[in-house]
Amino acid sequence: QKPSIGCNIKWRPGIEPEYFQS
């Protein structure tokens, strides 16, 4: 399960999902 691109705000700094680092 992976959060939506708009839910990346819930991720802590340095722990962004793969698609966020792309």
PDB file of N, CA and C in Angstrom:
ATOM      1  N   GLN A   1       0.844  -1.199   0.000  1.00  0.00           N
ATOM      2  CA  GLN A   1       0.000   0.000   0.000  1.00  0.00           C
ATOM      3  C   GLN A   1       0.874   1.240   0.000  1.00  0.00           C
ATOM      4  N   LYS A   2       0.614   2.169  -0.934  1.00  0.00           N
ATOM      5  CA  LYS A   2       1.424   3.387  -1.009  1.00  0.00           C
ATOM      6  C   LYS A   2       0.497   4.598  -1.059  1.00  0.00           C
ATOM      7  N   PRO A   3       0.787   5.620  -0.266  1.00  0.00           N
ATOM      8  CA  PRO A   3      -0.039   6.828  -0.200  1.00  0.00           C
ATOM      9  C   PRO A   3      -0.026   7.588  -1.517  1.00  0.00           C
ATOM     10  N   SER A   4      -1.012   8.432  -1.740  1.00  0.00           N
ATOM     11  CA  SER A   4      -1.080   9.220  -2.965  1.00  0.00           C
ATOM     12  C   SER A   4       0.036  10.256  -2.977  1.00  0.00           C
ATOM     13  N   ILE A   5       0.368  10.786  -4.160  1.00  0.00           N
ATOM     14  CA  ILE A   5       1.428  11.789  -4.280  1.00  0.00           C
ATOM     15  C   ILE A   5       1.094  13.015  -3.453  1.00  0.00           C
ATOM     16  N   GLY A   6      -0.182  13.247  -3.221  1.00  0.00           N
ATOM     17  CA  GLY A   6      -0.604  14.404  -2.431  1.00  0.00           C
ATOM     18  C   GLY A   6      -0.509  14.122  -0.944  1.00  0.00           C
ATOM     19  N   CYS A   7      -0.334  12.845  -0.604  1.00  0.00           N
ATOM     20  CA  CYS A   7      -0.252  12.473   0.813  1.00  0.00           C
ATOM     21  C   CYS A   7       1.199  12.414   1.266  1.00  0.00           C
ATOM     22  N   ASN A   8       2.109  12.846   0.383  1.00  0.00           N
ATOM     23  CA  ASN A   8       3.527  12.769   0.732  1.00  0.00           C
ATOM     24  C   ASN A   8       3.849  13.663   1.921  1.00  0.00           C
ATOM     25  N   ILE A   9       2.933  14.596   2.243  1.00  0.00           N
ATOM     26  CA  ILE A   9       3.155  15.506   3.369  1.00  0.00           C
ATOM     27  C   ILE A   9       3.154  14.739   4.684  1.00  0.00           C
ATOM     28  N   LYS A  10       2.486  13.589   4.703  1.00  0.00           N
ATOM     29  CA  LYS A  10       2.404  12.784   5.913  1.00  0.00           C
ATOM     30  C   LYS A  10       3.739  12.082   6.185  1.00  0.00           C
ATOM     31  N   TRP A  11       4.567  11.959   5.141  1.00  0.00           N
ATOM     32  CA  TRP A  11       5.868  11.309   5.292  1.00  0.00           C
ATOM     33  C   TRP A  11       6.842  12.234   6.010  1.00  0.00           C
ATOM     34  N   ARG A  12       7.682  11.672   6.843  1.00  0.00           N
ATOM     35  CA  ARG A  12       8.656  12.503   7.564  1.00  0.00           C
ATOM     36  C   ARG A  12       9.820  12.826   6.643  1.00  0.00           C
ATOM     37  N   PRO A  13      10.540  13.911   6.898  1.00  0.00           N
ATOM     38  CA  PRO A  13      11.685  14.319   6.074  1.00  0.00           C
ATOM     39  C   PRO A  13      12.762  13.234   6.049  1.00  0.00           C
ATOM     40  N   GLY A  14      13.193  12.839   4.850  1.00  0.00           N
ATOM     41  CA  GLY A  14      14.222  11.813   4.743  1.00  0.00           C
ATOM     42  C   GLY A  14      13.613  10.433   4.588  1.00  0.00           C
ATOM     43  N   ILE A  15      12.292  10.348   4.681  1.00  0.00           N
ATOM     44  CA  ILE A  15      11.637   9.042   4.558  1.00  0.00           C
ATOM     45  C   ILE A  15      10.608   9.086   3.441  1.00  0.00           C
ATOM     46  N   GLU A  16      10.864   9.929   2.439  1.00  0.00           N
ATOM     47  CA  GLU A  16       9.920  10.041   1.333  1.00  0.00           C
ATOM     48  C   GLU A  16       9.895   8.740   0.537  1.00  0.00           C
ATOM     49  N   PRO A  17       8.750   8.406  -0.043  1.00  0.00           N
ATOM     50  CA  PRO A  17       8.606   7.212  -0.887  1.00  0.00           C
ATOM     51  C   PRO A  17       9.465   7.302  -2.141  1.00  0.00           C
ATOM     52  N   GLU A  18       9.574   6.202  -2.886  1.00  0.00           N
ATOM     53  CA  GLU A  18      10.411   6.177  -4.083  1.00  0.00           C
ATOM     54  C   GLU A  18       9.949   7.207  -5.098  1.00  0.00           C
ATOM     55  N   TYR A  19       8.631   7.296  -5.310  1.00  0.00           N
ATOM     56  CA  TYR A  19       8.112   8.193  -6.344  1.00  0.00           C
ATOM     57  C   TYR A  19       8.365   9.653  -5.986  1.00  0.00           C
ATOM     58  N   PHE A  20       8.595   9.927  -4.702  1.00  0.00           N
ATOM     59  CA  PHE A  20       8.824  11.303  -4.280  1.00  0.00           C
ATOM     60  C   PHE A  20      10.271  11.710  -4.550  1.00  0.00           C
ATOM     61  N   GLN A  21      11.169  10.721  -4.536  1.00  0.00           N
ATOM     62  CA  GLN A  21      12.583  11.000  -4.774  1.00  0.00           C
ATOM     63  C   GLN A  21      12.871  11.075  -6.263  1.00  0.00           C
ATOM     64  N   SER A  22      11.971  10.530  -7.072  1.00  0.00           N
ATOM     65  CA  SER A  22      12.172  10.507  -8.523  1.00  0.00           C
ATOM     66  C   SER A  22      12.237  11.917  -9.083  1.00  0.00           C
TER      67      SER A  22
END
